[in-house]
Amino acid sequence: MLLLVGCGALVYATVSSISGAVGPAQDAVEDYATALVEQRWDDAHDMLCDETAARMSADDLEELYGEPELAGFGLDGVHVSSYNGRTTGDATITFTYEQGMEQQVALPLVEDDDGWRVCP
């Protein structure tokens, strides 16, 4: 019985820890998408993980998302997982363009010392 209670507590602690990470990951994705919609390319670039930021400039983001102009976005979902001490996630958002077209985008996420970073 004591073993069962201990296992239950471990599962609860793990789920609570991962669930607590979803909010900050979601905030990071929303901040990134908002920066893109508002055409704040430098701010969006600052929210990228180191690996992506090294190969993609703020000008590249403008080229990808500047035309046609973004009108808004919807957050479809965020998933966070932890494996071998590394916490990662992915988010799905749908961008809406000025002309009414929509595009669904999957965004990988990584957690570092500074918080969550978008890592496409």
PDB file of N, CA and C in Angstrom:
ATOM      1  N   MET A   1       0.827  -1.198   0.000  1.00  0.00           N
ATOM      2  CA  MET A   1       0.000   0.000   0.000  1.00  0.00           C
ATOM      3  C   MET A   1       0.869   1.259   0.000  1.00  0.00           C
ATOM      4  N   LEU A   2       1.908   1.246   0.809  1.00  0.00           N
ATOM      5  CA  LEU A   2       2.796   2.392   0.884  1.00  0.00           C
ATOM      6  C   LEU A   2       3.498   2.624  -0.460  1.00  0.00           C
ATOM      7  N   LEU A   3       3.849   1.545  -1.150  1.00  0.00           N
ATOM      8  CA  LEU A   3       4.475   1.657  -2.464  1.00  0.00           C
ATOM      9  C   LEU A   3       3.516   2.296  -3.466  1.00  0.00           C
ATOM     10  N   LEU A   4       2.255   1.922  -3.403  1.00  0.00           N
ATOM     11  CA  LEU A   4       1.249   2.478  -4.296  1.00  0.00           C
ATOM     12  C   LEU A   4       1.073   3.980  -4.064  1.00  0.00           C
ATOM     13  N   VAL A   5       1.045   4.373  -2.813  1.00  0.00           N
ATOM     14  CA  VAL A   5       0.916   5.799  -2.484  1.00  0.00           C
ATOM     15  C   VAL A   5       2.147   6.559  -2.975  1.00  0.00           C
ATOM     16  N   GLY A   6       3.325   5.982  -2.804  1.00  0.00           N
ATOM     17  CA  GLY A   6       4.561   6.617  -3.261  1.00  0.00           C
ATOM     18  C   GLY A   6       4.576   6.788  -4.770  1.00  0.00           C
ATOM     19  N   CYS A   7       4.127   5.775  -5.512  1.00  0.00           N
ATOM     20  CA  CYS A   7       4.061   5.867  -6.976  1.00  0.00           C
ATOM     21  C   CYS A   7       3.059   6.931  -7.403  1.00  0.00           C
ATOM     22  N   GLY A   8       1.937   6.975  -6.714  1.00  0.00           N
ATOM     23  CA  GLY A   8       0.923   7.986  -7.027  1.00  0.00           C
ATOM     24  C   GLY A   8       1.457   9.392  -6.806  1.00  0.00           C
ATOM     25  N   ALA A   9       2.209   9.590  -5.741  1.00  0.00           N
ATOM     26  CA  ALA A   9       2.784  10.898  -5.453  1.00  0.00           C
ATOM     27  C   ALA A   9       3.812  11.285  -6.509  1.00  0.00           C
ATOM     28  N   LEU A  10       4.598  10.313  -6.970  1.00  0.00           N
ATOM     29  CA  LEU A  10       5.592  10.578  -8.000  1.00  0.00           C
ATOM     30  C   LEU A  10       4.925  10.980  -9.315  1.00  0.00           C
ATOM     31  N   VAL A  11       3.883  10.282  -9.690  1.00  0.00           N
ATOM     32  CA  VAL A  11       3.145  10.601 -10.918  1.00  0.00           C
ATOM     33  C   VAL A  11       2.527  11.989 -10.794  1.00  0.00           C
ATOM     34  N   TYR A  12       1.930  12.285  -9.662  1.00  0.00           N
ATOM     35  CA  TYR A  12       1.321  13.604  -9.445  1.00  0.00           C
ATOM     36  C   TYR A  12       2.370  14.706  -9.550  1.00  0.00           C
ATOM     37  N   ALA A  13       3.528  14.512  -8.931  1.00  0.00           N
ATOM     38  CA  ALA A  13       4.581  15.531  -8.962  1.00  0.00           C
ATOM     39  C   ALA A  13       5.081  15.749 -10.385  1.00  0.00           C
ATOM     40  N   THR A  14       5.233  14.677 -11.148  1.00  0.00           N
ATOM     41  CA  THR A  14       5.695  14.796 -12.535  1.00  0.00           C
ATOM     42  C   THR A  14       4.679  15.530 -13.387  1.00  0.00           C
ATOM     43  N   VAL A  15       3.415  15.149 -13.283  1.00  0.00           N
ATOM     44  CA  VAL A  15       2.358  15.793 -14.058  1.00  0.00           C
ATOM     45  C   VAL A  15       2.217  17.258 -13.657  1.00  0.00           C
ATOM     46  N   SER A  16       2.290  17.553 -12.387  1.00  0.00           N
ATOM     47  CA  SER A  16       2.183  18.936 -11.921  1.00  0.00           C
ATOM     48  C   SER A  16       3.330  19.780 -12.441  1.00  0.00           C
ATOM     49  N   SER A  17       4.529  19.213 -12.452  1.00  0.00           N
ATOM     50  CA  SER A  17       5.697  19.934 -12.939  1.00  0.00           C
ATOM     51  C   SER A  17       5.553  20.265 -14.421  1.00  0.00           C
ATOM     52  N   ILE A  18       5.145  19.287 -15.218  1.00  0.00           N
ATOM     53  CA  ILE A  18       4.978  19.505 -16.653  1.00  0.00           C
ATOM     54  C   ILE A  18       3.810  20.446 -16.908  1.00  0.00           C
ATOM     55  N   SER A  19       2.712  20.275 -16.188  1.00  0.00           N
ATOM     56  CA  SER A  19       1.560  21.160 -16.366  1.00  0.00           C
ATOM     57  C   SER A  19       1.920  22.599 -16.039  1.00  0.00           C
ATOM     58  N   GLY A  20       2.772  22.808 -15.049  1.00  0.00           N
ATOM     59  CA  GLY A  20       3.197  24.149 -14.683  1.00  0.00           C
ATOM     60  C   GLY A  20       4.055  24.799 -15.745  1.00  0.00           C
ATOM     61  N   ALA A  21       4.655  23.993 -16.623  1.00  0.00           N
ATOM     62  CA  ALA A  21       5.494  24.528 -17.692  1.00  0.00           C
ATOM     63  C   ALA A  21       4.679  24.966 -18.895  1.00  0.00           C
ATOM     64  N   VAL A  22       3.454  24.486 -19.022  1.00  0.00           N
ATOM     65  CA  VAL A  22       2.638  24.809 -20.193  1.00  0.00           C
ATOM     66  C   VAL A  22       2.326  26.303 -20.243  1.00  0.00           C
ATOM     67  N   GLY A  23       1.988  26.903 -19.126  1.00  0.00           N
ATOM     68  CA  GLY A  23       1.650  28.335 -19.099  1.00  0.00           C
ATOM     69  C   GLY A  23       2.776  29.212 -19.609  1.00  0.00           C
ATOM     70  N   PRO A  24       4.001  29.068 -19.084  1.00  0.00           N
ATOM     71  CA  PRO A  24       5.111  29.880 -19.595  1.00  0.00           C
ATOM     72  C   PRO A  24       5.437  29.585 -21.064  1.00  0.00           C
ATOM     73  N   ALA A  25       5.322  28.345 -21.486  1.00  0.00           N
ATOM     74  CA  ALA A  25       5.558  28.006 -22.897  1.00  0.00           C
ATOM     75  C   ALA A  25       4.504  28.671 -23.776  1.00  0.00           C
ATOM     76  N   GLN A  26       3.268  28.636 -23.335  1.00  0.00           N
ATOM     77  CA  GLN A  26       2.176  29.276 -24.073  1.00  0.00           C
ATOM     78  C   GLN A  26       2.410  30.785 -24.162  1.00  0.00           C
ATOM     79  N   ASP A  27       2.835  31.390 -23.067  1.00  0.00           N
ATOM     80  CA  ASP A  27       3.122  32.832 -23.067  1.00  0.00           C
ATOM     81  C   ASP A  27       4.220  33.171 -24.080  1.00  0.00           C
ATOM     82  N   ALA A  28       5.262  32.327 -24.147  1.00  0.00           N
ATOM     83  CA  ALA A  28       6.363  32.573 -25.080  1.00  0.00           C
ATOM     84  C   ALA A  28       5.876  32.519 -26.528  1.00  0.00           C
ATOM     85  N   VAL A  29       5.036  31.550 -26.847  1.00  0.00           N
ATOM     86  CA  VAL A  29       4.500  31.429 -28.210  1.00  0.00           C
ATOM     87  C   VAL A  29       3.614  32.629 -28.539  1.00  0.00           C
ATOM     88  N   GLU A  30       2.766  33.014 -27.608  1.00  0.00           N
ATOM     89  CA  GLU A  30       1.885  34.166 -27.846  1.00  0.00           C
ATOM     90  C   GLU A  30       2.690  35.454 -28.031  1.00  0.00           C
ATOM     91  N   ASP A  31       3.740  35.632 -27.240  1.00  0.00           N
ATOM     92  CA  ASP A  31       4.592  36.818 -27.385  1.00  0.00           C
ATOM     93  C   ASP A  31       5.279  36.828 -28.749  1.00  0.00           C
ATOM     94  N   TYR A  32       5.773  35.672 -29.176  1.00  0.00           N
ATOM     95  CA  TYR A  32       6.447  35.551 -30.471  1.00  0.00           C
ATOM     96  C   TYR A  32       5.471  35.850 -31.613  1.00  0.00           C
ATOM     97  N   ALA A  33       4.309  35.227 -31.591  1.00  0.00           N
ATOM     98  CA  ALA A  33       3.320  35.436 -32.656  1.00  0.00           C
ATOM     99  C   ALA A  33       2.841  36.886 -32.678  1.00  0.00           C
ATOM    100  N   THR A  34       2.659  37.476 -31.518  1.00  0.00           N
ATOM    101  CA  THR A  34       2.249  38.883 -31.448  1.00  0.00           C
ATOM    102  C   THR A  34       3.315  39.780 -32.076  1.00  0.00           C
ATOM    103  N   ALA A  35       4.586  39.506 -31.787  1.00  0.00           N
ATOM    104  CA  ALA A  35       5.673  40.296 -32.382  1.00  0.00           C
ATOM    105  C   ALA A  35       5.660  40.176 -33.903  1.00  0.00           C
ATOM    106  N   LEU A  36       5.380  38.979 -34.418  1.00  0.00           N
ATOM    107  CA  LEU A  36       5.315  38.808 -35.869  1.00  0.00           C
ATOM    108  C   LEU A  36       4.138  39.582 -36.462  1.00  0.00           C
ATOM    109  N   VAL A  37       2.976  39.487 -35.830  1.00  0.00           N
ATOM    110  CA  VAL A  37       1.795  40.188 -36.328  1.00  0.00           C
ATOM    111  C   VAL A  37       2.022  41.698 -36.304  1.00  0.00           C
ATOM    112  N   GLU A  38       2.678  42.188 -35.269  1.00  0.00           N
ATOM    113  CA  GLU A  38       2.945  43.624 -35.129  1.00  0.00           C
ATOM    114  C   GLU A  38       4.190  44.074 -35.894  1.00  0.00           C
ATOM    115  N   GLN A  39       4.798  43.141 -36.628  1.00  0.00           N
ATOM    116  CA  GLN A  39       5.989  43.404 -37.439  1.00  0.00           C
ATOM    117  C   GLN A  39       7.160  43.937 -36.620  1.00  0.00           C
ATOM    118  N   ARG A  40       7.295  43.422 -35.436  1.00  0.00           N
ATOM    119  CA  ARG A  40       8.438  43.756 -34.573  1.00  0.00           C
ATOM    120  C   ARG A  40       9.470  42.642 -34.766  1.00  0.00           C
ATOM    121  N   TRP A  41      10.158  42.694 -35.910  1.00  0.00           N
ATOM    122  CA  TRP A  41      11.035  41.604 -36.332  1.00  0.00           C
ATOM    123  C   TRP A  41      12.189  41.383 -35.378  1.00  0.00           C
ATOM    124  N   ASP A  42      12.790  42.451 -34.860  1.00  0.00           N
ATOM    125  CA  ASP A  42      13.908  42.300 -33.914  1.00  0.00           C
ATOM    126  C   ASP A  42      13.440  41.638 -32.624  1.00  0.00           C
ATOM    127  N   ASP A  43      12.268  42.030 -32.138  1.00  0.00           N
ATOM    128  CA  ASP A  43      11.732  41.416 -30.917  1.00  0.00           C
ATOM    129  C   ASP A  43      11.468  39.928 -31.141  1.00  0.00           C
ATOM    130  N   ALA A  44      10.873  39.597 -32.287  1.00  0.00           N
ATOM    131  CA  ALA A  44      10.603  38.191 -32.599  1.00  0.00           C
ATOM    132  C   ALA A  44      11.909  37.413 -32.691  1.00  0.00           C
ATOM    133  N   HIS A  45      12.914  38.031 -33.294  1.00  0.00           N
ATOM    134  CA  HIS A  45      14.212  37.360 -33.414  1.00  0.00           C
ATOM    135  C   HIS A  45      14.817  37.088 -32.035  1.00  0.00           C
ATOM    136  N   ASP A  46      14.658  38.012 -31.112  1.00  0.00           N
ATOM    137  CA  ASP A  46      15.188  37.845 -29.752  1.00  0.00           C
ATOM    138  C   ASP A  46      14.519  36.696 -29.006  1.00  0.00           C
ATOM    139  N   MET A  47      13.367  36.252 -29.465  1.00  0.00           N
ATOM    140  CA  MET A  47      12.630  35.172 -28.804  1.00  0.00           C
ATOM    141  C   MET A  47      12.977  33.792 -29.361  1.00  0.00           C
ATOM    142  N   LEU A  48      13.856  33.751 -30.354  1.00  0.00           N
ATOM    143  CA  LEU A  48      14.256  32.484 -30.956  1.00  0.00           C
ATOM    144  C   LEU A  48      15.328  31.791 -30.118  1.00  0.00           C
ATOM    145  N   CYS A  49      15.389  30.468 -30.229  1.00  0.00           N
ATOM    146  CA  CYS A  49      16.461  29.725 -29.569  1.00  0.00           C
ATOM    147  C   CYS A  49      17.784  30.086 -30.236  1.00  0.00           C
ATOM    148  N   ASP A  50      18.886  29.849 -29.565  1.00  0.00           N
ATOM    149  CA  ASP A  50      20.205  30.232 -30.063  1.00  0.00           C
ATOM    150  C   ASP A  50      20.490  29.628 -31.439  1.00  0.00           C
ATOM    151  N   GLU A  51      20.160  28.368 -31.610  1.00  0.00           N
ATOM    152  CA  GLU A  51      20.438  27.668 -32.870  1.00  0.00           C
ATOM    153  C   GLU A  51      19.734  28.344 -34.050  1.00  0.00           C
ATOM    154  N   THR A  52      18.457  28.648 -33.881  1.00  0.00           N
ATOM    155  CA  THR A  52      17.697  29.280 -34.957  1.00  0.00           C
ATOM    156  C   THR A  52      18.129  30.725 -35.150  1.00  0.00           C
ATOM    157  N   ALA A  53      18.368  31.433 -34.061  1.00  0.00           N
ATOM    158  CA  ALA A  53      18.789  32.843 -34.158  1.00  0.00           C
ATOM    159  C   ALA A  53      20.116  32.981 -34.901  1.00  0.00           C
ATOM    160  N   ALA A  54      20.974  31.960 -34.810  1.00  0.00           N
ATOM    161  CA  ALA A  54      22.264  32.005 -35.488  1.00  0.00           C
ATOM    162  C   ALA A  54      22.125  31.861 -37.004  1.00  0.00           C
ATOM    163  N   ARG A  55      21.090  31.187 -37.457  1.00  0.00           N
ATOM    164  CA  ARG A  55      20.935  30.967 -38.902  1.00  0.00           C
ATOM    165  C   ARG A  55      19.817  31.798 -39.532  1.00  0.00           C
ATOM    166  N   MET A  56      19.027  32.498 -38.718  1.00  0.00           N
ATOM    167  CA  MET A  56      17.911  33.277 -39.233  1.00  0.00           C
ATOM    168  C   MET A  56      17.955  34.678 -38.629  1.00  0.00           C
ATOM    169  N   SER A  57      17.968  35.695 -39.478  1.00  0.00           N
ATOM    170  CA  SER A  57      18.030  37.074 -39.004  1.00  0.00           C
ATOM    171  C   SER A  57      16.620  37.657 -38.859  1.00  0.00           C
ATOM    172  N   ALA A  58      16.540  38.832 -38.281  1.00  0.00           N
ATOM    173  CA  ALA A  58      15.267  39.554 -38.193  1.00  0.00           C
ATOM    174  C   ALA A  58      14.745  39.853 -39.597  1.00  0.00           C
ATOM    175  N   ASP A  59      15.658  40.146 -40.531  1.00  0.00           N
ATOM    176  CA  ASP A  59      15.255  40.378 -41.919  1.00  0.00           C
ATOM    177  C   ASP A  59      14.653  39.124 -42.546  1.00  0.00           C
ATOM    178  N   ASP A  60      15.176  37.954 -42.183  1.00  0.00           N
ATOM    179  CA  ASP A  60      14.610  36.693 -42.679  1.00  0.00           C
ATOM    180  C   ASP A  60      13.180  36.515 -42.180  1.00  0.00           C
ATOM    181  N   LEU A  61      12.937  36.885 -40.922  1.00  0.00           N
ATOM    182  CA  LEU A  61      11.577  36.801 -40.383  1.00  0.00           C
ATOM    183  C   LEU A  61      10.645  37.730 -41.143  1.00  0.00           C
ATOM    184  N   GLU A  62      11.138  38.932 -41.440  1.00  0.00           N
ATOM    185  CA  GLU A  62      10.322  39.874 -42.208  1.00  0.00           C
ATOM    186  C   GLU A  62      10.007  39.313 -43.595  1.00  0.00           C
ATOM    187  N   GLU A  63      10.981  38.669 -44.203  1.00  0.00           N
ATOM    188  CA  GLU A  63      10.767  38.080 -45.523  1.00  0.00           C
ATOM    189  C   GLU A  63       9.746  36.948 -45.470  1.00  0.00           C
ATOM    190  N   LEU A  64       9.789  36.160 -44.395  1.00  0.00           N
ATOM    191  CA  LEU A  64       8.861  35.036 -44.249  1.00  0.00           C
ATOM    192  C   LEU A  64       7.441  35.470 -43.894  1.00  0.00           C
ATOM    193  N   TYR A  65       7.321  36.472 -43.014  1.00  0.00           N
ATOM    194  CA  TYR A  65       6.009  36.817 -42.453  1.00  0.00           C
ATOM    195  C   TYR A  65       5.513  38.223 -42.800  1.00  0.00           C
ATOM    196  N   GLY A  66       6.311  39.004 -43.536  1.00  0.00           N
ATOM    197  CA  GLY A  66       5.932  40.381 -43.809  1.00  0.00           C
ATOM    198  C   GLY A  66       4.934  40.557 -44.941  1.00  0.00           C
ATOM    199  N   GLU A  67       5.003  39.709 -45.946  1.00  0.00           N
ATOM    200  CA  GLU A  67       4.102  39.792 -47.097  1.00  0.00           C
ATOM    201  C   GLU A  67       3.614  38.405 -47.457  1.00  0.00           C
ATOM    202  N   PRO A  68       2.349  38.171 -47.552  1.00  0.00           N
ATOM    203  CA  PRO A  68       1.279  39.106 -47.221  1.00  0.00           C
ATOM    204  C   PRO A  68       1.268  39.387 -45.716  1.00  0.00           C
ATOM    205  N   GLU A  69       0.762  40.542 -45.359  1.00  0.00           N
ATOM    206  CA  GLU A  69       0.787  41.009 -43.979  1.00  0.00           C
ATOM    207  C   GLU A  69      -0.110  40.165 -43.078  1.00  0.00           C
ATOM    208  N   LEU A  70       0.413  39.847 -41.896  1.00  0.00           N
ATOM    209  CA  LEU A  70      -0.363  39.096 -40.902  1.00  0.00           C
ATOM    210  C   LEU A  70      -1.382  40.010 -40.234  1.00  0.00           C
ATOM    211  N   ALA A  71      -2.581  39.472 -40.019  1.00  0.00           N
ATOM    212  CA  ALA A  71      -3.631  40.236 -39.348  1.00  0.00           C
ATOM    213  C   ALA A  71      -3.858  39.753 -37.920  1.00  0.00           C
ATOM    214  N   GLY A  72      -3.494  38.521 -37.631  1.00  0.00           N
ATOM    215  CA  GLY A  72      -3.713  37.972 -36.303  1.00  0.00           C
ATOM    216  C   GLY A  72      -3.289  36.519 -36.248  1.00  0.00           C
ATOM    217  N   PHE A  73      -3.570  35.889 -35.110  1.00  0.00           N
ATOM    218  CA  PHE A  73      -3.233  34.477 -34.940  1.00  0.00           C
ATOM    219  C   PHE A  73      -4.147  33.862 -33.898  1.00  0.00           C
ATOM    220  N   GLY A  74      -4.230  32.562 -33.934  1.00  0.00           N
ATOM    221  CA  GLY A  74      -4.935  31.805 -32.909  1.00  0.00           C
ATOM    222  C   GLY A  74      -4.028  30.698 -32.421  1.00  0.00           C
ATOM    223  N   LEU A  75      -3.956  30.520 -31.130  1.00  0.00           N
ATOM    224  CA  LEU A  75      -3.150  29.450 -30.547  1.00  0.00           C
ATOM    225  C   LEU A  75      -3.999  28.191 -30.502  1.00  0.00           C
ATOM    226  N   ASP A  76      -3.592  27.177 -31.262  1.00  0.00           N
ATOM    227  CA  ASP A  76      -4.363  25.940 -31.346  1.00  0.00           C
ATOM    228  C   ASP A  76      -4.016  24.948 -30.244  1.00  0.00           C
ATOM    229  N   GLY A  77      -2.790  24.986 -29.751  1.00  0.00           N
ATOM    230  CA  GLY A  77      -2.413  24.064 -28.688  1.00  0.00           C
ATOM    231  C   GLY A  77      -0.934  24.148 -28.359  1.00  0.00           C
ATOM    232  N   VAL A  78      -0.607  23.776 -27.134  1.00  0.00           N
ATOM    233  CA  VAL A  78       0.780  23.724 -26.656  1.00  0.00           C
ATOM    234  C   VAL A  78       0.956  22.408 -25.919  1.00  0.00           C
ATOM    235  N   HIS A  79       2.036  21.722 -26.224  1.00  0.00           N
ATOM    236  CA  HIS A  79       2.362  20.454 -25.568  1.00  0.00           C
ATOM    237  C   HIS A  79       3.772  20.566 -25.006  1.00  0.00           C
ATOM    238  N   VAL A  80       3.959  20.159 -23.772  1.00  0.00           N
ATOM    239  CA  VAL A  80       5.260  20.208 -23.108  1.00  0.00           C
ATOM    240  C   VAL A  80       5.602  18.818 -22.627  1.00  0.00           C
ATOM    241  N   SER A  81       6.871  18.433 -22.786  1.00  0.00           N
ATOM    242  CA  SER A  81       7.312  17.137 -22.281  1.00  0.00           C
ATOM    243  C   SER A  81       8.716  17.265 -21.710  1.00  0.00           C
ATOM    244  N   SER A  82       9.045  16.357 -20.833  1.00  0.00           N
ATOM    245  CA  SER A  82      10.358  16.336 -20.217  1.00  0.00           C
ATOM    246  C   SER A  82      10.934  14.936 -20.362  1.00  0.00           C
ATOM    247  N   TYR A  83      12.179  14.877 -20.838  1.00  0.00           N
ATOM    248  CA  TYR A  83      12.823  13.588 -21.042  1.00  0.00           C
ATOM    249  C   TYR A  83      14.299  13.724 -20.702  1.00  0.00           C
ATOM    250  N   ASN A  84      14.763  12.892 -19.812  1.00  0.00           N
ATOM    251  CA  ASN A  84      16.165  12.910 -19.395  1.00  0.00           C
ATOM    252  C   ASN A  84      16.630  14.295 -18.941  1.00  0.00           C
ATOM    253  N   GLY A  85      15.766  14.992 -18.230  1.00  0.00           N
ATOM    254  CA  GLY A  85      16.120  16.289 -17.673  1.00  0.00           C
ATOM    255  C   GLY A  85      16.029  17.451 -18.642  1.00  0.00           C
ATOM    256  N   ARG A  86      15.601  17.199 -19.869  1.00  0.00           N
ATOM    257  CA  ARG A  86      15.452  18.279 -20.857  1.00  0.00           C
ATOM    258  C   ARG A  86      13.970  18.493 -21.122  1.00  0.00           C
ATOM    259  N   THR A  87      13.525  19.732 -20.987  1.00  0.00           N
ATOM    260  CA  THR A  87      12.121  20.064 -21.211  1.00  0.00           C
ATOM    261  C   THR A  87      11.984  20.759 -22.562  1.00  0.00           C
ATOM    262  N   THR A  88      11.118  20.201 -23.383  1.00  0.00           N
ATOM    263  CA  THR A  88      10.858  20.756 -24.713  1.00  0.00           C
ATOM    264  C   THR A  88       9.350  20.824 -24.915  1.00  0.00           C
ATOM    265  N   GLY A  89       8.958  21.389 -26.019  1.00  0.00           N
ATOM    266  CA  GLY A  89       7.534  21.452 -26.313  1.00  0.00           C
ATOM    267  C   GLY A  89       7.299  21.756 -27.772  1.00  0.00           C
ATOM    268  N   ASP A  90       6.047  21.816 -28.106  1.00  0.00           N
ATOM    269  CA  ASP A  90       5.667  22.246 -29.437  1.00  0.00           C
ATOM    270  C   ASP A  90       4.319  22.943 -29.337  1.00  0.00           C
ATOM    271  N   ALA A  91       4.134  23.868 -30.247  1.00  0.00           N
ATOM    272  CA  ALA A  91       2.892  24.639 -30.284  1.00  0.00           C
ATOM    273  C   ALA A  91       2.387  24.662 -31.710  1.00  0.00           C
ATOM    274  N   THR A  92       1.098  24.741 -31.841  1.00  0.00           N
ATOM    275  CA  THR A  92       0.481  24.904 -33.145  1.00  0.00           C
ATOM    276  C   THR A  92      -0.321  26.191 -33.113  1.00  0.00           C
ATOM    277  N   ILE A  93      -0.020  27.073 -34.056  1.00  0.00           N
ATOM    278  CA  ILE A  93      -0.759  28.323 -34.157  1.00  0.00           C
ATOM    279  C   ILE A  93      -1.276  28.472 -35.581  1.00  0.00           C
ATOM    280  N   THR A  94      -2.335  29.221 -35.723  1.00  0.00           N
ATOM    281  CA  THR A  94      -2.870  29.531 -37.041  1.00  0.00           C
ATOM    282  C   THR A  94      -2.780  31.034 -37.247  1.00  0.00           C
ATOM    283  N   PHE A  95      -1.974  31.428 -38.230  1.00  0.00           N
ATOM    284  CA  PHE A  95      -1.870  32.830 -38.597  1.00  0.00           C
ATOM    285  C   PHE A  95      -2.979  33.168 -39.581  1.00  0.00           C
ATOM    286  N   THR A  96      -3.549  34.355 -39.424  1.00  0.00           N
ATOM    287  CA  THR A  96      -4.530  34.879 -40.370  1.00  0.00           C
ATOM    288  C   THR A  96      -3.886  36.062 -41.080  1.00  0.00           C
ATOM    289  N   TYR A  97      -3.989  36.064 -42.399  1.00  0.00           N
ATOM    290  CA  TYR A  97      -3.413  37.134 -43.207  1.00  0.00           C
ATOM    291  C   TYR A  97      -4.474  38.175 -43.523  1.00  0.00           C
ATOM    292  N   GLU A  98      -4.022  39.375 -43.881  1.00  0.00           N
ATOM    293  CA  GLU A  98      -4.919  40.487 -44.196  1.00  0.00           C
ATOM    294  C   GLU A  98      -5.998  40.099 -45.206  1.00  0.00           C
ATOM    295  N   GLN A  99      -5.651  39.261 -46.193  1.00  0.00           N
ATOM    296  CA  GLN A  99      -6.604  38.865 -47.229  1.00  0.00           C
ATOM    297  C   GLN A  99      -7.581  37.792 -46.746  1.00  0.00           C
ATOM    298  N   GLY A 100      -7.430  37.344 -45.504  1.00  0.00           N
ATOM    299  CA  GLY A 100      -8.333  36.343 -44.960  1.00  0.00           C
ATOM    300  C   GLY A 100      -7.804  34.920 -45.025  1.00  0.00           C
ATOM    301  N   MET A 101      -6.701  34.690 -45.727  1.00  0.00           N
ATOM    302  CA  MET A 101      -6.112  33.348 -45.776  1.00  0.00           C
ATOM    303  C   MET A 101      -5.593  32.980 -44.388  1.00  0.00           C
ATOM    304  N   GLU A 102      -5.504  31.675 -44.159  1.00  0.00           N
ATOM    305  CA  GLU A 102      -4.967  31.181 -42.901  1.00  0.00           C
ATOM    306  C   GLU A 102      -3.851  30.185 -43.178  1.00  0.00           C
ATOM    307  N   GLN A 103      -2.904  30.116 -42.252  1.00  0.00           N
ATOM    308  CA  GLN A 103      -1.819  29.150 -42.346  1.00  0.00           C
ATOM    309  C   GLN A 103      -1.526  28.604 -40.962  1.00  0.00           C
ATOM    310  N   GLN A 104      -1.573  27.294 -40.847  1.00  0.00           N
ATOM    311  CA  GLN A 104      -1.247  26.657 -39.573  1.00  0.00           C
ATOM    312  C   GLN A 104       0.251  26.374 -39.542  1.00  0.00           C
ATOM    313  N   VAL A 105       0.876  26.712 -38.414  1.00  0.00           N
ATOM    314  CA  VAL A 105       2.318  26.568 -38.265  1.00  0.00           C
ATOM    315  C   VAL A 105       2.611  25.798 -36.981  1.00  0.00           C
ATOM    316  N   ALA A 106       3.507  24.821 -37.077  1.00  0.00           N
ATOM    317  CA  ALA A 106       3.983  24.089 -35.905  1.00  0.00           C
ATOM    318  C   ALA A 106       5.299  24.712 -35.460  1.00  0.00           C
ATOM    319  N   LEU A 107       5.394  25.041 -34.189  1.00  0.00           N
ATOM    320  CA  LEU A 107       6.591  25.681 -33.652  1.00  0.00           C
ATOM    321  C   LEU A 107       7.202  24.826 -32.548  1.00  0.00           C
ATOM    322  N   PRO A 108       8.388  24.282 -32.762  1.00  0.00           N
ATOM    323  CA  PRO A 108       9.091  23.598 -31.675  1.00  0.00           C
ATOM    324  C   PRO A 108       9.525  24.618 -30.621  1.00  0.00           C
ATOM    325  N   LEU A 109       9.588  24.181 -29.386  1.00  0.00           N
ATOM    326  CA  LEU A 109       9.973  25.034 -28.268  1.00  0.00           C
ATOM    327  C   LEU A 109      11.055  24.347 -27.450  1.00  0.00           C
ATOM    328  N   VAL A 110      11.941  25.135 -26.880  1.00  0.00           N
ATOM    329  CA  VAL A 110      12.930  24.624 -25.939  1.00  0.00           C
ATOM    330  C   VAL A 110      12.936  25.521 -24.709  1.00  0.00           C
ATOM    331  N   GLU A 111      13.224  24.923 -23.586  1.00  0.00           N
ATOM    332  CA  GLU A 111      13.340  25.690 -22.349  1.00  0.00           C
ATOM    333  C   GLU A 111      14.817  25.832 -22.032  1.00  0.00           C
ATOM    334  N   ASP A 112      15.248  27.069 -21.792  1.00  0.00           N
ATOM    335  CA  ASP A 112      16.624  27.304 -21.363  1.00  0.00           C
ATOM    336  C   ASP A 112      16.609  28.090 -20.064  1.00  0.00           C
ATOM    337  N   ASP A 113      17.748  28.555 -19.636  1.00  0.00           N
ATOM    338  CA  ASP A 113      17.843  29.282 -18.362  1.00  0.00           C
ATOM    339  C   ASP A 113      17.016  30.559 -18.335  1.00  0.00           C
ATOM    340  N   ASP A 114      16.779  31.140 -19.509  1.00  0.00           N
ATOM    341  CA  ASP A 114      16.026  32.399 -19.609  1.00  0.00           C
ATOM    342  C   ASP A 114      14.535  32.185 -19.793  1.00  0.00           C
ATOM    343  N   GLY A 115      14.087  30.947 -19.906  1.00  0.00           N
ATOM    344  CA  GLY A 115      12.679  30.661 -20.142  1.00  0.00           C
ATOM    345  C   GLY A 115      12.492  29.881 -21.437  1.00  0.00           C
ATOM    346  N   TRP A 116      11.343  30.036 -22.033  1.00  0.00           N
ATOM    347  CA  TRP A 116      10.998  29.292 -23.254  1.00  0.00           C
ATOM    348  C   TRP A 116      11.412  30.080 -24.488  1.00  0.00           C
ATOM    349  N   ARG A 117      11.915  29.359 -25.480  1.00  0.00           N
ATOM    350  CA  ARG A 117      12.323  29.941 -26.749  1.00  0.00           C
ATOM    351  C   ARG A 117      11.667  29.182 -27.893  1.00  0.00           C
ATOM    352  N   VAL A 118      11.282  29.910 -28.936  1.00  0.00           N
ATOM    353  CA  VAL A 118      10.743  29.296 -30.148  1.00  0.00           C
ATOM    354  C   VAL A 118      11.932  28.838 -30.979  1.00  0.00           C
ATOM    355  N   CYS A 119      11.837  27.626 -31.534  1.00  0.00           N
ATOM    356  CA  CYS A 119      13.005  27.043 -32.205  1.00  0.00           C
ATOM    357  C   CYS A 119      12.608  26.379 -33.529  1.00  0.00           C
ATOM    358  N   PRO A 120      12.057  27.177 -34.482  1.00  0.00           N
ATOM    359  CA  PRO A 120      11.654  26.562 -35.766  1.00  0.00           C
ATOM    360  C   PRO A 120      12.835  26.180 -36.629  1.00  0.00           C
TER     361      PRO A 120
END
